[in-house]
Structure formats: structure tokens, C-alpha cells
C-alpha atoms as a PDB file:
ATOM      1  CA  MET A   1     -33.630  13.968  29.069  1.00  0.00           C
ATOM      2  CA  ALA A   2     -31.826  11.360  27.087  1.00  0.00           C
ATOM      3  CA  ILE A   3     -33.625   8.569  29.121  1.00  0.00           C
ATOM      4  CA  ASN A   4     -36.931  10.311  28.256  1.00  0.00           C
ATOM      5  CA  THR A   5     -36.055  10.343  24.489  1.00  0.00           C
ATOM      6  CA  GLU A   6     -35.086   6.706  24.682  1.00  0.00           C
ATOM      7  CA  ILE A   7     -38.516   5.861  26.001  1.00  0.00           C
ATOM      8  CA  THR A   8     -40.729   8.339  24.258  1.00  0.00           C
ATOM      9  CA  GLU A   9     -39.316   7.973  20.688  1.00  0.00           C
ATOM     10  CA  PRO A  10     -40.066   4.304  20.130  1.00  0.00           C
ATOM     11  CA  TYR A  11     -43.547   4.616  21.420  1.00  0.00           C
ATOM     12  CA  ALA A  12     -44.174   7.677  19.278  1.00  0.00           C
ATOM     13  CA  LYS A  13     -42.793   5.884  16.236  1.00  0.00           C
ATOM     14  CA  ALA A  14     -44.878   2.883  16.943  1.00  0.00           C
ATOM     15  CA  LEU A  15     -48.008   4.998  17.154  1.00  0.00           C
ATOM     16  CA  MET A  16     -47.092   6.802  14.020  1.00  0.00           C
ATOM     17  CA  SER A  17     -46.575   3.526  12.245  1.00  0.00           C
ATOM     18  CA  LEU A  18     -50.037   2.297  13.266  1.00  0.00           C
ATOM     19  CA  ALA A  19     -51.677   5.543  12.422  1.00  0.00           C
ATOM     20  CA  GLY A  20     -49.979   5.744   9.086  1.00  0.00           C
ATOM     21  CA  GLU A  21     -51.035   2.105   8.166  1.00  0.00           C
ATOM     22  CA  HIS A  22     -54.612   3.092   8.791  1.00  0.00           C
ATOM     23  CA  ARG A  23     -54.429   6.548   7.360  1.00  0.00           C
ATOM     24  CA  LEU A  24     -55.177   8.109  10.732  1.00  0.00           C
ATOM     25  CA  ALA A  25     -51.963  10.094  11.302  1.00  0.00           C
ATOM     26  CA  ASP A  26     -53.705  13.500  11.417  1.00  0.00           C
ATOM     27  CA  ARG A  27     -56.625  12.142  13.581  1.00  0.00           C
ATOM     28  CA  ILE A  28     -54.268  10.653  16.060  1.00  0.00           C
ATOM     29  CA  GLY A  29     -52.355  13.973  15.945  1.00  0.00           C
ATOM     30  CA  GLU A  30     -55.482  15.797  17.005  1.00  0.00           C
ATOM     31  CA  ASP A  31     -55.798  13.331  19.997  1.00  0.00           C
ATOM     32  CA  ALA A  32     -52.093  13.912  20.893  1.00  0.00           C
ATOM     33  CA  ARG A  33     -52.714  17.687  20.971  1.00  0.00           C
ATOM     34  CA  ALA A  34     -55.750  17.231  23.129  1.00  0.00           C
ATOM     35  CA  LEU A  35     -53.912  14.987  25.424  1.00  0.00           C
ATOM     36  CA  ARG A  36     -51.037  17.443  25.827  1.00  0.00           C
ATOM     37  CA  SER A  37     -53.496  20.210  26.409  1.00  0.00           C
ATOM     38  CA  ALA A  38     -55.337  18.244  29.137  1.00  0.00           C
ATOM     39  CA  LEU A  39     -52.004  17.499  30.872  1.00  0.00           C
ATOM     40  CA  ALA A  40     -50.926  21.163  30.726  1.00  0.00           C
ATOM     41  CA  GLU A  41     -54.260  22.375  32.067  1.00  0.00           C
ATOM     42  CA  SER A  42     -54.503  19.827  34.861  1.00  0.00           C
ATOM     43  CA  GLU A  43     -51.455  19.305  37.055  1.00  0.00           C
ATOM     44  CA  GLU A  44     -53.578  16.886  39.109  1.00  0.00           C
ATOM     45  CA  LEU A  45     -54.144  14.688  36.060  1.00  0.00           C
ATOM     46  CA  ALA A  46     -50.449  14.563  35.282  1.00  0.00           C
ATOM     47  CA  ARG A  47     -49.638  13.725  38.935  1.00  0.00           C
ATOM     48  CA  PHE A  48     -52.354  11.092  39.089  1.00  0.00           C
ATOM     49  CA  LEU A  49     -51.285   9.347  35.981  1.00  0.00           C
ATOM     50  CA  GLY A  50     -47.600   9.517  37.005  1.00  0.00           C
ATOM     51  CA  ASN A  51     -48.156   8.304  40.576  1.00  0.00           C
ATOM     52  CA  PRO A  52     -46.806   4.658  40.882  1.00  0.00           C
ATOM     53  CA  ILE A  53     -49.009   4.084  43.975  1.00  0.00           C
ATOM     54  CA  VAL A  54     -52.286   4.544  41.997  1.00  0.00           C
ATOM     55  CA  PRO A  55     -53.440   1.254  40.706  1.00  0.00           C
ATOM     56  CA  ASN A  56     -53.339   0.786  36.980  1.00  0.00           C
ATOM     57  CA  GLU A  57     -57.097   0.013  36.792  1.00  0.00           C
ATOM     58  CA  ASP A  58     -57.835   3.432  38.417  1.00  0.00           C
ATOM     59  CA  LYS A  59     -55.603   5.087  35.818  1.00  0.00           C
ATOM     60  CA  LYS A  60     -57.429   3.155  33.007  1.00  0.00           C
ATOM     61  CA  SER A  61     -60.739   4.030  34.355  1.00  0.00           C
ATOM     62  CA  LEU A  62     -60.038   7.679  34.477  1.00  0.00           C
ATOM     63  CA  LEU A  63     -58.542   7.627  30.864  1.00  0.00           C
ATOM     64  CA  ARG A  64     -61.744   5.852  29.653  1.00  0.00           C
ATOM     65  CA  GLN A  65     -63.833   8.635  31.263  1.00  0.00           C
ATOM     66  CA  ILE A  66     -61.829  11.596  29.871  1.00  0.00           C
ATOM     67  CA  GLY A  67     -60.944   9.809  26.630  1.00  0.00           C
ATOM     68  CA  GLY A  68     -64.447   9.505  25.152  1.00  0.00           C
ATOM     69  CA  ASP A  69     -63.710  11.742  22.143  1.00  0.00           C
ATOM     70  CA  LEU A  70     -60.427   9.971  21.455  1.00  0.00           C
ATOM     71  CA  HIS A  71     -59.929   7.569  18.548  1.00  0.00           C
ATOM     72  CA  GLU A  72     -60.209   3.895  19.477  1.00  0.00           C
ATOM     73  CA  TYR A  73     -56.524   3.394  18.616  1.00  0.00           C
ATOM     74  CA  THR A  74     -55.602   6.277  20.886  1.00  0.00           C
ATOM     75  CA  ARG A  75     -57.522   4.868  23.789  1.00  0.00           C
ATOM     76  CA  ASN A  76     -55.958   1.509  23.243  1.00  0.00           C
ATOM     77  CA  PHE A  77     -52.472   2.978  23.153  1.00  0.00           C
ATOM     78  CA  LEU A  78     -53.152   4.737  26.420  1.00  0.00           C
ATOM     79  CA  MET A  79     -54.097   1.487  28.075  1.00  0.00           C
ATOM     80  CA  LEU A  80     -50.917  -0.062  26.662  1.00  0.00           C
ATOM     81  CA  LEU A  81     -48.849   2.696  28.294  1.00  0.00           C
ATOM     82  CA  VAL A  82     -50.591   2.095  31.570  1.00  0.00           C
ATOM     83  CA  ASP A  83     -49.908  -1.579  31.421  1.00  0.00           C
ATOM     84  CA  ARG A  84     -46.264  -0.963  30.652  1.00  0.00           C
ATOM     85  CA  GLY A  85     -45.750   1.624  33.232  1.00  0.00           C
ATOM     86  CA  ARG A  86     -45.067   4.296  30.639  1.00  0.00           C
ATOM     87  CA  ILE A  87     -48.026   6.548  31.141  1.00  0.00           C
ATOM     88  CA  LEU A  88     -46.004   9.030  33.008  1.00  0.00           C
ATOM     89  CA  PHE A  89     -44.197   9.724  29.693  1.00  0.00           C
ATOM     90  CA  LEU A  90     -47.457  10.504  27.960  1.00  0.00           C
ATOM     91  CA  ASP A  91     -46.698  14.168  27.297  1.00  0.00           C
ATOM     92  CA  GLY A  92     -43.257  13.443  25.830  1.00  0.00           C
ATOM     93  CA  ILE A  93     -44.682  10.637  23.678  1.00  0.00           C
ATOM     94  CA  CYS A  94     -47.340  13.012  22.311  1.00  0.00           C
ATOM     95  CA  ALA A  95     -44.797  15.780  21.619  1.00  0.00           C
ATOM     96  CA  GLN A  96     -42.553  13.231  19.844  1.00  0.00           C
ATOM     97  CA  TYR A  97     -45.564  12.065  17.858  1.00  0.00           C
ATOM     98  CA  LEU A  98     -46.424  15.567  16.893  1.00  0.00           C
ATOM     99  CA  ALA A  99     -42.842  16.186  15.754  1.00  0.00           C
ATOM    100  CA  LEU A 100     -43.032  13.093  13.521  1.00  0.00           C
ATOM    101  CA  LEU A 101     -46.374  14.264  12.129  1.00  0.00           C
ATOM    102  CA  ARG A 102     -44.999  17.607  11.308  1.00  0.00           C
ATOM    103  CA  GLU A 103     -42.066  16.070   9.624  1.00  0.00           C
ATOM    104  CA  ARG A 104     -44.318  13.735   7.617  1.00  0.00           C
ATOM    105  CA  ASN A 105     -46.582  16.617   6.603  1.00  0.00           C
ATOM    106  CA  GLN A 106     -43.728  18.869   5.787  1.00  0.00           C
ATOM    107  CA  THR A 107     -44.927  21.370   8.516  1.00  0.00           C
ATOM    108  CA  VAL A 108     -42.606  23.364  10.746  1.00  0.00           C
ATOM    109  CA  LEU A 109     -43.407  24.508  14.403  1.00  0.00           C
ATOM    110  CA  ALA A 110     -43.186  28.140  15.019  1.00  0.00           C
ATOM    111  CA  GLU A 111     -43.067  29.110  18.718  1.00  0.00           C
ATOM    112  CA  VAL A 112     -44.331  32.616  18.804  1.00  0.00           C
ATOM    113  CA  THR A 113     -43.954  34.861  21.931  1.00  0.00           C
ATOM    114  CA  THR A 114     -45.999  38.078  22.181  1.00  0.00           C
ATOM    115  CA  THR A 115     -47.320  40.395  24.852  1.00  0.00           C
ATOM    116  CA  VAL A 116     -50.951  39.911  23.707  1.00  0.00           C
ATOM    117  CA  GLU A 117     -52.985  37.213  21.724  1.00  0.00           C
ATOM    118  CA  LEU A 118     -52.434  37.449  18.004  1.00  0.00           C
ATOM    119  CA  SER A 119     -55.293  38.432  15.833  1.00  0.00           C
ATOM    120  CA  SER A 120     -56.113  36.138  12.938  1.00  0.00           C
ATOM    121  CA  ASP A 121     -54.528  38.570  10.448  1.00  0.00           C
ATOM    122  CA  GLN A 122     -51.271  38.754  12.512  1.00  0.00           C
ATOM    123  CA  GLU A 123     -51.243  34.941  12.828  1.00  0.00           C
ATOM    124  CA  ARG A 124     -51.642  34.638   9.054  1.00  0.00           C
ATOM    125  CA  ALA A 125     -48.834  37.170   8.500  1.00  0.00           C
ATOM    126  CA  VAL A 126     -46.421  35.206  10.903  1.00  0.00           C
ATOM    127  CA  ARG A 127     -47.396  32.007   9.107  1.00  0.00           C
ATOM    128  CA  ASP A 128     -46.721  33.461   5.763  1.00  0.00           C
ATOM    129  CA  LYS A 129     -43.297  34.867   6.877  1.00  0.00           C
ATOM    130  CA  VAL A 130     -42.264  31.535   8.380  1.00  0.00           C
ATOM    131  CA  LYS A 131     -43.421  29.635   5.231  1.00  0.00           C
ATOM    132  CA  SER A 132     -41.349  32.016   3.051  1.00  0.00           C
ATOM    133  CA  PHE A 133     -38.092  31.630   5.073  1.00  0.00           C
ATOM    134  CA  THR A 134     -38.350  27.910   5.774  1.00  0.00           C
ATOM    135  CA  GLY A 135     -39.918  26.657   2.495  1.00  0.00           C
ATOM    136  CA  ALA A 136     -42.254  24.533   4.536  1.00  0.00           C
ATOM    137  CA  ARG A 137     -45.648  23.586   3.123  1.00  0.00           C
ATOM    138  CA  GLU A 138     -47.575  24.363   6.367  1.00  0.00           C
ATOM    139  CA  VAL A 139     -46.745  26.127   9.643  1.00  0.00           C
ATOM    140  CA  GLU A 140     -48.003  25.096  13.036  1.00  0.00           C
ATOM    141  CA  ILE A 141     -47.985  28.021  15.518  1.00  0.00           C
ATOM    142  CA  GLU A 142     -47.687  27.607  19.288  1.00  0.00           C
ATOM    143  CA  THR A 143     -48.220  30.896  21.008  1.00  0.00           C
ATOM    144  CA  ARG A 144     -46.973  32.164  24.429  1.00  0.00           C
ATOM    145  CA  ILE A 145     -47.840  35.288  26.153  1.00  0.00           C
ATOM    146  CA  ASP A 146     -45.034  37.153  27.859  1.00  0.00           C
ATOM    147  CA  PRO A 147     -45.473  40.705  29.043  1.00  0.00           C
ATOM    148  CA  ASP A 148     -41.765  41.020  29.801  1.00  0.00           C
ATOM    149  CA  ILE A 149     -40.893  41.394  26.118  1.00  0.00           C
ATOM    150  CA  ILE A 150     -42.733  44.744  26.310  1.00  0.00           C
ATOM    151  CA  GLY A 151     -43.974  44.668  22.789  1.00  0.00           C
ATOM    152  CA  GLY A 152     -43.396  43.100  19.373  1.00  0.00           C
ATOM    153  CA  VAL A 153     -42.848  39.471  18.719  1.00  0.00           C
ATOM    154  CA  ILE A 154     -40.263  36.646  19.051  1.00  0.00           C
ATOM    155  CA  VAL A 155     -40.569  33.766  16.550  1.00  0.00           C
ATOM    156  CA  LYS A 156     -38.523  30.596  17.135  1.00  0.00           C
ATOM    157  CA  VAL A 157     -38.367  27.929  14.352  1.00  0.00           C
ATOM    158  CA  GLY A 158     -36.029  25.139  15.155  1.00  0.00           C
ATOM    159  CA  SER A 159     -32.729  26.726  16.095  1.00  0.00           C
ATOM    160  CA  LYS A 160     -33.586  30.014  14.316  1.00  0.00           C
ATOM    161  CA  VAL A 161     -34.850  32.913  16.490  1.00  0.00           C
ATOM    162  CA  ILE A 162     -36.271  36.117  15.029  1.00  0.00           C
ATOM    163  CA  ASP A 163     -36.332  38.609  17.964  1.00  0.00           C
ATOM    164  CA  ALA A 164     -38.569  41.686  16.860  1.00  0.00           C
ATOM    165  CA  SER A 165     -39.499  42.351  20.446  1.00  0.00           C
ATOM    166  CA  LEU A 166     -39.119  45.787  22.081  1.00  0.00           C
ATOM    167  CA  ARG A 167     -36.975  44.239  24.830  1.00  0.00           C
ATOM    168  CA  GLY A 168     -34.702  42.609  22.176  1.00  0.00           C
ATOM    169  CA  GLN A 169     -34.359  45.982  20.280  1.00  0.00           C
ATOM    170  CA  LEU A 170     -33.512  47.848  23.475  1.00  0.00           C
ATOM    171  CA  ARG A 171     -30.851  45.148  24.427  1.00  0.00           C
ATOM    172  CA  ARG A 172     -29.307  45.484  20.956  1.00  0.00           C
ATOM    173  CA  LEU A 173     -29.295  49.287  21.212  1.00  0.00           C
ATOM    174  CA  SER A 174     -27.581  49.217  24.605  1.00  0.00           C
ATOM    175  CA  LEU A 175     -24.943  46.772  23.284  1.00  0.00           C
ATOM    176  CA  SER A 176     -24.139  49.170  20.405  1.00  0.00           C
ATOM    177  CA  LEU A 177     -23.929  52.079  22.867  1.00  0.00           C
ATOM    178  CA  VAL A 178     -21.452  50.270  24.999  1.00  0.00           C
ATOM    179  CA  LYS A 179     -19.051  49.673  22.144  1.00  0.00           C
END
């Protein structure tokens, strides 16, 4: 983990510096989200890019094919990562870049776990609640579906966790009964 951070952080900062100079931080952020999504959806893509046996030109060719909607600076950055043998750290670099972007935009990340997809009203309510207790200007929400929480919601912002799940309530109730 520490080695990953030693590699991902400088690349993410360099990309942020370039994006900031050209007022493209948010646009490059969209690209970073799209790349993370592509890697999460396709295990084959992640394995292909991370495979040291695959020639760099093959990796670049694939990235050019799938990166048509990416900004030119993002595509060039991907080619640099391939040339330097760092493309296998792409997800970590993108995650680090997005963390820098949130910090720059005074935005916090709320990791929300529910049993079903949130409606737009529920998402807005979570966003407003997180804004009120963090003082952040904006809230970015990452949702995860977990039927094991039975019902309710778990919201994690940084090191703070608000567990309003049915599973959490049952656990707290059982602990109070044991005393």
C-alpha cells in the first residue's frame, strides 16, 4: 500500500498541476472517473494493462481505441504511464487525482451503503445532511448496494461513519441487552 502511494501520488499531483494550469481540472476529473469505471467493469482490461508480457504498443493501441472521448492531455498521460511501466497503477492514480480534485473543490466523498438504489430525493437528502455536518461546499456520493445491512443506510465520510442500518441497530440493541 505504501509503495502504491509513493508511485500514485506524484503522478496524480503532476496531472493535477497540468490540469490546473490549463483550467481543465474538472474535465480531467471526468476522465479519471470514466477510467476507474472502465477498470472496475472490465477485469480483462485491468489484467491486459497490468500484464508485463503485453507489448507497450499493444497497450497504447487499446488505450487509443477506448480513449476516444478522453481529453487529449489524459490520452497523452496514459501513453506516458505505459512508457514508464506505470499503467498498472492507473486506478490508484485516478483515485488519488480525484481526491486532490475534491480537496481543491472543497468537496467531500460520502460512501453510502444501502440495500437498494437511492432515489434522487434520498440522494439529495443524504447530500444535504453530509454538507451540514462537514461544512463542505459540495458532496460527491459513491453508492454501494449491500443486502446484508437489511435496511437503512450507512454513510462514511472520511473516518466518520453514520450507521443507520437495521443491522447496525440490531447489533447495538443486542449489545445493550448483554450488559
